[in-house]
PDB file of all heavy atoms in Angstrom:
ATOM      1  N   CYS A   1      23.395 -46.783 -85.696  1.00  0.00           N
ATOM      2  CA  CYS A   1      22.883 -46.157 -86.894  1.00  0.00           C
ATOM      3  C   CYS A   1      21.391 -45.951 -86.639  1.00  0.00           C
ATOM      4  O   CYS A   1      20.676 -47.018 -86.456  1.00  0.00           O
ATOM      5  CB  CYS A   1      23.105 -46.893 -88.120  1.00  0.00           C
ATOM      6  SG  CYS A   1      24.909 -47.109 -88.514  1.00  0.00           S
ATOM      7  N   ILE A   2      20.830 -44.721 -86.604  1.00  0.00           N
ATOM      8  CA  ILE A   2      19.381 -44.547 -86.328  1.00  0.00           C
ATOM      9  C   ILE A   2      18.749 -43.911 -87.533  1.00  0.00           C
ATOM     10  O   ILE A   2      19.246 -43.102 -88.220  1.00  0.00           O
ATOM     11  CB  ILE A   2      19.338 -43.636 -85.007  1.00  0.00           C
ATOM     12  CG1 ILE A   2      19.951 -42.222 -85.225  1.00  0.00           C
ATOM     13  CG2 ILE A   2      19.999 -44.260 -83.867  1.00  0.00           C
ATOM     14  CD1 ILE A   2      19.800 -41.298 -84.067  1.00  0.00           C
ATOM     15  N   PHE A   3      17.455 -44.334 -87.595  1.00  0.00           N
ATOM     16  CA  PHE A   3      16.631 -43.828 -88.755  1.00  0.00           C
ATOM     17  C   PHE A   3      15.422 -43.226 -88.159  1.00  0.00           C
ATOM     18  O   PHE A   3      14.708 -43.778 -87.393  1.00  0.00           O
ATOM     19  CB  PHE A   3      16.268 -45.001 -89.660  1.00  0.00           C
ATOM     20  CG  PHE A   3      15.431 -44.658 -90.858  1.00  0.00           C
ATOM     21  CD1 PHE A   3      16.112 -44.193 -92.066  1.00  0.00           C
ATOM     22  CD2 PHE A   3      14.096 -44.787 -90.886  1.00  0.00           C
ATOM     23  CE1 PHE A   3      15.339 -43.846 -93.122  1.00  0.00           C
ATOM     24  CE2 PHE A   3      13.331 -44.459 -91.991  1.00  0.00           C
ATOM     25  CZ  PHE A   3      13.985 -43.891 -93.099  1.00  0.00           C
ATOM     26  N   ASP A   4      15.122 -41.976 -88.782  1.00  0.00           N
ATOM     27  CA  ASP A   4      13.866 -41.237 -88.327  1.00  0.00           C
ATOM     28  C   ASP A   4      12.894 -41.199 -89.486  1.00  0.00           C
ATOM     29  O   ASP A   4      13.189 -40.554 -90.469  1.00  0.00           O
ATOM     30  CB  ASP A   4      14.235 -39.861 -87.848  1.00  0.00           C
ATOM     31  CG  ASP A   4      13.074 -39.026 -87.501  1.00  0.00           C
ATOM     32  OD1 ASP A   4      12.079 -39.523 -87.051  1.00  0.00           O
ATOM     33  OD2 ASP A   4      13.155 -37.795 -87.823  1.00  0.00           O
ATOM     34  N   GLY A   5      11.773 -41.865 -89.363  1.00  0.00           N
ATOM     35  CA  GLY A   5      10.807 -41.746 -90.425  1.00  0.00           C
ATOM     36  C   GLY A   5      10.062 -43.143 -90.569  1.00  0.00           C
ATOM     37  O   GLY A   5      10.249 -44.087 -89.784  1.00  0.00           O
ATOM     38  N   SER A   6       9.281 -43.194 -91.666  1.00  0.00           N
ATOM     39  CA  SER A   6       8.623 -44.466 -91.949  1.00  0.00           C
ATOM     40  C   SER A   6       9.538 -45.485 -92.661  1.00  0.00           C
ATOM     41  O   SER A   6      10.206 -45.059 -93.568  1.00  0.00           O
ATOM     42  CB  SER A   6       7.394 -44.163 -92.870  1.00  0.00           C
ATOM     43  OG  SER A   6       6.822 -45.375 -93.396  1.00  0.00           O
ATOM     44  N   PRO A   7       9.488 -46.728 -92.270  1.00  0.00           N
ATOM     45  CA  PRO A   7      10.288 -47.657 -92.979  1.00  0.00           C
ATOM     46  C   PRO A   7       9.837 -48.032 -94.348  1.00  0.00           C
ATOM     47  O   PRO A   7      10.599 -48.601 -95.133  1.00  0.00           O
ATOM     48  CB  PRO A   7      10.249 -48.976 -92.101  1.00  0.00           C
ATOM     49  CG  PRO A   7       8.886 -48.815 -91.409  1.00  0.00           C
ATOM     50  CD  PRO A   7       8.694 -47.335 -91.189  1.00  0.00           C
ATOM     51  N   SER A   8       8.629 -47.527 -94.696  1.00  0.00           N
ATOM     52  CA  SER A   8       8.087 -47.928 -96.086  1.00  0.00           C
ATOM     53  C   SER A   8       7.633 -46.652 -96.867  1.00  0.00           C
ATOM     54  O   SER A   8       6.939 -46.764 -97.906  1.00  0.00           O
ATOM     55  CB  SER A   8       6.887 -48.868 -95.898  1.00  0.00           C
ATOM     56  OG  SER A   8       5.865 -48.298 -95.107  1.00  0.00           O
ATOM     57  N   GLY A   9       8.003 -45.514 -96.359  1.00  0.00           N
ATOM     58  CA  GLY A   9       7.557 -44.288 -97.104  1.00  0.00           C
ATOM     59  C   GLY A   9       6.125 -44.004 -96.898  1.00  0.00           C
ATOM     60  O   GLY A   9       5.579 -44.166 -95.890  1.00  0.00           O
ATOM     61  N   THR A  10       5.504 -43.504 -97.977  1.00  0.00           N
ATOM     62  CA  THR A  10       4.100 -43.242 -97.884  1.00  0.00           C
ATOM     63  C   THR A  10       3.145 -44.394 -97.899  1.00  0.00           C
ATOM     64  O   THR A  10       3.504 -45.442 -98.451  1.00  0.00           O
ATOM     65  CB  THR A  10       3.696 -42.228 -99.064  1.00  0.00           C
ATOM     66  OG1 THR A  10       3.742 -43.083-100.316  1.00  0.00           O
ATOM     67  CG2 THR A  10       4.676 -41.081 -99.244  1.00  0.00           C
ATOM     68  N   LYS A  11       1.966 -44.150 -97.257  1.00  0.00           N
ATOM     69  CA  LYS A  11       1.044 -45.265 -97.278  1.00  0.00           C
ATOM     70  C   LYS A  11       0.421 -45.475 -98.612  1.00  0.00           C
ATOM     71  O   LYS A  11       0.032 -46.528 -99.000  1.00  0.00           O
ATOM     72  CB  LYS A  11      -0.104 -44.939 -96.282  1.00  0.00           C
ATOM     73  CG  LYS A  11       0.350 -44.930 -94.779  1.00  0.00           C
ATOM     74  CD  LYS A  11      -0.800 -44.816 -93.891  1.00  0.00           C
ATOM     75  CE  LYS A  11      -0.392 -44.871 -92.454  1.00  0.00           C
ATOM     76  NZ  LYS A  11      -1.472 -44.741 -91.476  1.00  0.00           N
ATOM     77  N   ALA A  12       0.334 -44.483 -99.398  1.00  0.00           N
ATOM     78  CA  ALA A  12      -0.284 -44.571-100.732  1.00  0.00           C
ATOM     79  C   ALA A  12       0.652 -45.338-101.739  1.00  0.00           C
ATOM     80  O   ALA A  12       0.093 -46.081-102.571  1.00  0.00           O
ATOM     81  CB  ALA A  12      -0.643 -43.205-101.299  1.00  0.00           C
ATOM     82  N   ASP A  13       1.994 -45.226-101.526  1.00  0.00           N
ATOM     83  CA  ASP A  13       2.855 -45.925-102.479  1.00  0.00           C
ATOM     84  C   ASP A  13       3.979 -46.395-101.591  1.00  0.00           C
ATOM     85  O   ASP A  13       5.142 -45.933-101.647  1.00  0.00           O
ATOM     86  CB  ASP A  13       3.382 -44.861-103.416  1.00  0.00           C
ATOM     87  CG  ASP A  13       4.262 -45.536-104.454  1.00  0.00           C
ATOM     88  OD1 ASP A  13       4.147 -46.771-104.626  1.00  0.00           O
ATOM     89  OD2 ASP A  13       5.032 -44.793-105.158  1.00  0.00           O
ATOM     90  N   PRO A  14       3.786 -47.545-100.778  1.00  0.00           N
ATOM     91  CA  PRO A  14       4.853 -47.999 -99.889  1.00  0.00           C
ATOM     92  C   PRO A  14       6.003 -48.568-100.653  1.00  0.00           C
ATOM     93  O   PRO A  14       5.857 -49.196-101.739  1.00  0.00           O
ATOM     94  CB  PRO A  14       4.092 -49.081 -99.172  1.00  0.00           C
ATOM     95  CG  PRO A  14       2.878 -49.500-100.035  1.00  0.00           C
ATOM     96  CD  PRO A  14       2.489 -48.266-100.757  1.00  0.00           C
ATOM     97  N   ASP A  15       7.177 -48.341-100.066  1.00  0.00           N
ATOM     98  CA  ASP A  15       8.472 -48.877-100.650  1.00  0.00           C
ATOM     99  C   ASP A  15       9.216 -49.415 -99.485  1.00  0.00           C
ATOM    100  O   ASP A  15       9.829 -48.745 -98.749  1.00  0.00           O
ATOM    101  CB  ASP A  15       9.149 -47.672-101.355  1.00  0.00           C
ATOM    102  CG  ASP A  15      10.474 -48.101-101.889  1.00  0.00           C
ATOM    103  OD1 ASP A  15      10.842 -49.349-101.740  1.00  0.00           O
ATOM    104  OD2 ASP A  15      11.290 -47.286-102.350  1.00  0.00           O
ATOM    105  N   TRP A  16       9.225 -50.772 -99.415  1.00  0.00           N
ATOM    106  CA  TRP A  16       9.894 -51.437 -98.269  1.00  0.00           C
ATOM    107  C   TRP A  16      11.353 -51.519 -98.365  1.00  0.00           C
ATOM    108  O   TRP A  16      12.032 -52.201 -97.606  1.00  0.00           O
ATOM    109  CB  TRP A  16       9.250 -52.805 -98.044  1.00  0.00           C
ATOM    110  CG  TRP A  16       7.891 -52.674 -97.433  1.00  0.00           C
ATOM    111  CD1 TRP A  16       6.642 -52.689 -98.177  1.00  0.00           C
ATOM    112  CD2 TRP A  16       7.489 -52.387 -96.108  1.00  0.00           C
ATOM    113  NE1 TRP A  16       5.663 -52.462 -97.304  1.00  0.00           N
ATOM    114  CE2 TRP A  16       6.102 -52.280 -96.013  1.00  0.00           C
ATOM    115  CE3 TRP A  16       8.237 -52.260 -94.904  1.00  0.00           C
ATOM    116  CZ2 TRP A  16       5.421 -52.014 -94.863  1.00  0.00           C
ATOM    117  CZ3 TRP A  16       7.590 -52.008 -93.786  1.00  0.00           C
ATOM    118  CH2 TRP A  16       6.160 -51.910 -93.735  1.00  0.00           C
ATOM    119  N   SER A  17      11.894 -50.987 -99.481  1.00  0.00           N
ATOM    120  CA  SER A  17      13.362 -50.986 -99.600  1.00  0.00           C
ATOM    121  C   SER A  17      14.081 -49.837 -98.925  1.00  0.00           C
ATOM    122  O   SER A  17      15.250 -49.767 -98.852  1.00  0.00           O
ATOM    123  CB  SER A  17      13.751 -50.925-101.095  1.00  0.00           C
ATOM    124  OG  SER A  17      13.435 -49.722-101.654  1.00  0.00           O
ATOM    125  N   ARG A  18      13.283 -48.846 -98.397  1.00  0.00           N
ATOM    126  CA  ARG A  18      13.834 -47.603 -97.893  1.00  0.00           C
ATOM    127  C   ARG A  18      14.794 -47.862 -96.712  1.00  0.00           C
ATOM    128  O   ARG A  18      15.883 -47.281 -96.619  1.00  0.00           O
ATOM    129  CB  ARG A  18      12.744 -46.712 -97.387  1.00  0.00           C
ATOM    130  CG  ARG A  18      12.026 -45.960 -98.516  1.00  0.00           C
ATOM    131  CD  ARG A  18      10.825 -45.171 -98.019  1.00  0.00           C
ATOM    132  NE  ARG A  18      10.255 -44.373 -99.045  1.00  0.00           N
ATOM    133  CZ  ARG A  18      10.569 -43.041 -99.257  1.00  0.00           C
ATOM    134  NH1 ARG A  18      11.416 -42.417 -98.451  1.00  0.00           N
ATOM    135  NH2 ARG A  18       9.946 -42.373-100.272  1.00  0.00           N
ATOM    136  N   LEU A  19      14.420 -48.768 -95.790  1.00  0.00           N
ATOM    137  CA  LEU A  19      15.278 -48.970 -94.650  1.00  0.00           C
ATOM    138  C   LEU A  19      16.551 -49.764 -95.003  1.00  0.00           C
ATOM    139  O   LEU A  19      17.660 -49.567 -94.500  1.00  0.00           O
ATOM    140  CB  LEU A  19      14.536 -49.766 -93.555  1.00  0.00           C
ATOM    141  CG  LEU A  19      14.912 -49.660 -92.106  1.00  0.00           C
ATOM    142  CD1 LEU A  19      14.935 -48.158 -91.707  1.00  0.00           C
ATOM    143  CD2 LEU A  19      13.981 -50.381 -91.176  1.00  0.00           C
ATOM    144  N   TRP A  20      16.387 -50.644 -96.007  1.00  0.00           N
ATOM    145  CA  TRP A  20      17.525 -51.386 -96.510  1.00  0.00           C
ATOM    146  C   TRP A  20      18.504 -50.426 -97.202  1.00  0.00           C
ATOM    147  O   TRP A  20      19.690 -50.541 -97.180  1.00  0.00           O
ATOM    148  CB  TRP A  20      17.149 -52.531 -97.421  1.00  0.00           C
ATOM    149  CG  TRP A  20      16.282 -53.575 -96.765  1.00  0.00           C
ATOM    150  CD1 TRP A  20      14.919 -53.737 -96.934  1.00  0.00           C
ATOM    151  CD2 TRP A  20      16.739 -54.522 -95.826  1.00  0.00           C
ATOM    152  NE1 TRP A  20      14.535 -54.802 -96.119  1.00  0.00           N
ATOM    153  CE2 TRP A  20      15.617 -55.278 -95.410  1.00  0.00           C
ATOM    154  CE3 TRP A  20      18.029 -54.797 -95.240  1.00  0.00           C
ATOM    155  CZ2 TRP A  20      15.739 -56.358 -94.519  1.00  0.00           C
ATOM    156  CZ3 TRP A  20      18.100 -55.877 -94.362  1.00  0.00           C
ATOM    157  CH2 TRP A  20      16.945 -56.632 -94.001  1.00  0.00           C
ATOM    158  N   ASP A  21      17.915 -49.473 -97.898  1.00  0.00           N
ATOM    159  CA  ASP A  21      18.813 -48.407 -98.586  1.00  0.00           C
ATOM    160  C   ASP A  21      19.577 -47.626 -97.554  1.00  0.00           C
ATOM    161  O   ASP A  21      20.753 -47.367 -97.747  1.00  0.00           O
ATOM    162  CB  ASP A  21      17.896 -47.469 -99.405  1.00  0.00           C
ATOM    163  CG  ASP A  21      18.723 -46.381-100.061  1.00  0.00           C
ATOM    164  OD1 ASP A  21      19.546 -46.634-100.933  1.00  0.00           O
ATOM    165  OD2 ASP A  21      18.507 -45.211 -99.644  1.00  0.00           O
ATOM    166  N   PHE A  22      18.918 -47.225 -96.468  1.00  0.00           N
ATOM    167  CA  PHE A  22      19.572 -46.561 -95.336  1.00  0.00           C
ATOM    168  C   PHE A  22      20.655 -47.468 -94.784  1.00  0.00           C
ATOM    169  O   PHE A  22      21.776 -46.924 -94.514  1.00  0.00           O
ATOM    170  CB  PHE A  22      18.571 -46.247 -94.225  1.00  0.00           C
ATOM    171  CG  PHE A  22      19.132 -46.152 -92.878  1.00  0.00           C
ATOM    172  CD1 PHE A  22      19.917 -44.956 -92.570  1.00  0.00           C
ATOM    173  CD2 PHE A  22      18.953 -47.062 -91.920  1.00  0.00           C
ATOM    174  CE1 PHE A  22      20.470 -44.859 -91.277  1.00  0.00           C
ATOM    175  CE2 PHE A  22      19.461 -46.923 -90.575  1.00  0.00           C
ATOM    176  CZ  PHE A  22      20.245 -45.805 -90.302  1.00  0.00           C
ATOM    177  N   ALA A  23      20.407 -48.755 -94.629  1.00  0.00           N
ATOM    178  CA  ALA A  23      21.447 -49.656 -94.137  1.00  0.00           C
ATOM    179  C   ALA A  23      22.663 -49.667 -95.012  1.00  0.00           C
ATOM    180  O   ALA A  23      23.777 -49.633 -94.579  1.00  0.00           O
ATOM    181  CB  ALA A  23      20.888 -51.037 -93.927  1.00  0.00           C
ATOM    182  N   ALA A  24      22.385 -49.734 -96.316  1.00  0.00           N
ATOM    183  CA  ALA A  24      23.459 -49.820 -97.242  1.00  0.00           C
ATOM    184  C   ALA A  24      24.313 -48.488 -97.264  1.00  0.00           C
ATOM    185  O   ALA A  24      25.570 -48.540 -97.318  1.00  0.00           O
ATOM    186  CB  ALA A  24      22.968 -50.037 -98.633  1.00  0.00           C
ATOM    187  N   ARG A  25      23.626 -47.418 -97.305  1.00  0.00           N
ATOM    188  CA  ARG A  25      24.258 -46.075 -97.305  1.00  0.00           C
ATOM    189  C   ARG A  25      25.014 -45.788 -95.998  1.00  0.00           C
ATOM    190  O   ARG A  25      26.013 -45.048 -96.038  1.00  0.00           O
ATOM    191  CB  ARG A  25      23.264 -45.020 -97.627  1.00  0.00           C
ATOM    192  CG  ARG A  25      22.622 -45.043 -98.988  1.00  0.00           C
ATOM    193  CD  ARG A  25      21.451 -44.169 -99.163  1.00  0.00           C
ATOM    194  NE  ARG A  25      21.897 -42.710 -99.046  1.00  0.00           N
ATOM    195  CZ  ARG A  25      21.118 -41.690 -99.079  1.00  0.00           C
ATOM    196  NH1 ARG A  25      19.802 -41.943 -99.269  1.00  0.00           N
ATOM    197  NH2 ARG A  25      21.488 -40.451 -99.024  1.00  0.00           N
ATOM    198  N   SER A  26      24.597 -46.430 -94.873  1.00  0.00           N
ATOM    199  CA  SER A  26      25.215 -46.055 -93.575  1.00  0.00           C
ATOM    200  C   SER A  26      26.184 -47.211 -93.253  1.00  0.00           C
ATOM    201  O   SER A  26      26.903 -47.026 -92.177  1.00  0.00           O
ATOM    202  CB  SER A  26      24.071 -46.008 -92.478  1.00  0.00           C
ATOM    203  OG  SER A  26      23.169 -45.005 -92.872  1.00  0.00           O
ATOM    204  N   GLY A  27      26.381 -48.187 -93.993  1.00  0.00           N
ATOM    205  CA  GLY A  27      27.390 -49.186 -93.678  1.00  0.00           C
ATOM    206  C   GLY A  27      27.009 -50.110 -92.499  1.00  0.00           C
ATOM    207  O   GLY A  27      27.780 -50.595 -91.826  1.00  0.00           O
ATOM    208  N   VAL A  28      25.666 -50.346 -92.356  1.00  0.00           N
ATOM    209  CA  VAL A  28      25.196 -51.100 -91.224  1.00  0.00           C
ATOM    210  C   VAL A  28      25.726 -52.506 -91.386  1.00  0.00           C
ATOM    211  O   VAL A  28      25.619 -53.131 -92.446  1.00  0.00           O
ATOM    212  CB  VAL A  28      23.592 -51.157 -91.252  1.00  0.00           C
ATOM    213  CG1 VAL A  28      23.069 -52.164 -90.296  1.00  0.00           C
ATOM    214  CG2 VAL A  28      23.109 -49.738 -90.856  1.00  0.00           C
ATOM    215  N   THR A  29      26.151 -53.116 -90.299  1.00  0.00           N
ATOM    216  CA  THR A  29      26.591 -54.528 -90.252  1.00  0.00           C
ATOM    217  C   THR A  29      25.706 -55.355 -89.432  1.00  0.00           C
ATOM    218  O   THR A  29      25.723 -56.622 -89.479  1.00  0.00           O
ATOM    219  CB  THR A  29      28.031 -54.627 -89.695  1.00  0.00           C
ATOM    220  OG1 THR A  29      28.072 -54.097 -88.383  1.00  0.00           O
ATOM    221  CG2 THR A  29      29.034 -53.857 -90.598  1.00  0.00           C
ATOM    222  N   TRP A  30      24.866 -54.770 -88.606  1.00  0.00           N
ATOM    223  CA  TRP A  30      23.886 -55.449 -87.691  1.00  0.00           C
ATOM    224  C   TRP A  30      22.597 -54.813 -87.797  1.00  0.00           C
ATOM    225  O   TRP A  30      22.404 -53.675 -87.420  1.00  0.00           O
ATOM    226  CB  TRP A  30      24.410 -55.369 -86.272  1.00  0.00           C
ATOM    227  CG  TRP A  30      24.053 -56.548 -85.364  1.00  0.00           C
ATOM    228  CD1 TRP A  30      24.942 -57.252 -84.659  1.00  0.00           C
ATOM    229  CD2 TRP A  30      22.808 -56.884 -84.905  1.00  0.00           C
ATOM    230  NE1 TRP A  30      24.296 -58.248 -83.859  1.00  0.00           N
ATOM    231  CE2 TRP A  30      23.021 -57.990 -83.974  1.00  0.00           C
ATOM    232  CE3 TRP A  30      21.548 -56.475 -85.104  1.00  0.00           C
ATOM    233  CZ2 TRP A  30      21.910 -58.602 -83.321  1.00  0.00           C
ATOM    234  CZ3 TRP A  30      20.437 -57.088 -84.419  1.00  0.00           C
ATOM    235  CH2 TRP A  30      20.683 -58.110 -83.579  1.00  0.00           C
ATOM    236  N   PHE A  31      21.590 -55.510 -88.434  1.00  0.00           N
ATOM    237  CA  PHE A  31      20.323 -54.954 -88.807  1.00  0.00           C
ATOM    238  C   PHE A  31      19.166 -55.543 -88.061  1.00  0.00           C
ATOM    239  O   PHE A  31      18.853 -56.738 -88.203  1.00  0.00           O
ATOM    240  CB  PHE A  31      20.089 -55.062 -90.325  1.00  0.00           C
ATOM    241  CG  PHE A  31      18.883 -54.407 -90.819  1.00  0.00           C
ATOM    242  CD1 PHE A  31      18.894 -53.188 -91.471  1.00  0.00           C
ATOM    243  CD2 PHE A  31      17.590 -55.031 -90.777  1.00  0.00           C
ATOM    244  CE1 PHE A  31      17.764 -52.633 -91.994  1.00  0.00           C
ATOM    245  CE2 PHE A  31      16.440 -54.511 -91.214  1.00  0.00           C
ATOM    246  CZ  PHE A  31      16.507 -53.205 -91.900  1.00  0.00           C
ATOM    247  N   GLY A  32      18.508 -54.756 -87.199  1.00  0.00           N
ATOM    248  CA  GLY A  32      17.329 -55.299 -86.482  1.00  0.00           C
ATOM    249  C   GLY A  32      16.070 -54.551 -86.692  1.00  0.00           C
ATOM    250  O   GLY A  32      16.083 -53.320 -87.097  1.00  0.00           O
ATOM    251  N   ALA A  33      14.903 -55.242 -86.565  1.00  0.00           N
ATOM    252  CA  ALA A  33      13.645 -54.602 -86.731  1.00  0.00           C
ATOM    253  C   ALA A  33      12.544 -55.506 -86.114  1.00  0.00           C
ATOM    254  O   ALA A  33      12.836 -56.658 -85.769  1.00  0.00           O
ATOM    255  CB  ALA A  33      13.331 -54.324 -88.213  1.00  0.00           C
ATOM    256  N   GLY A  34      11.318 -55.003 -86.065  1.00  0.00           N
ATOM    257  CA  GLY A  34      10.263 -55.874 -85.672  1.00  0.00           C
ATOM    258  C   GLY A  34       9.958 -57.009 -86.721  1.00  0.00           C
ATOM    259  O   GLY A  34      10.201 -56.812 -87.840  1.00  0.00           O
ATOM    260  N   ALA A  35       9.375 -58.097 -86.187  1.00  0.00           N
ATOM    261  CA  ALA A  35       9.089 -59.175 -87.109  1.00  0.00           C
ATOM    262  C   ALA A  35       8.157 -58.742 -88.178  1.00  0.00           C
ATOM    263  O   ALA A  35       8.252 -59.215 -89.274  1.00  0.00           O
ATOM    264  CB  ALA A  35       8.463 -60.366 -86.208  1.00  0.00           C
TER     265      ALA A  35
END
């Protein structure tokens, strides 16, 4: 499952749930990212 874009949306109004939303919508079972 691959994601293209910012993991937090815009810099002015960051939303750190975006990548988790992608994981939920895509059925991700194994989730990795930088520390």
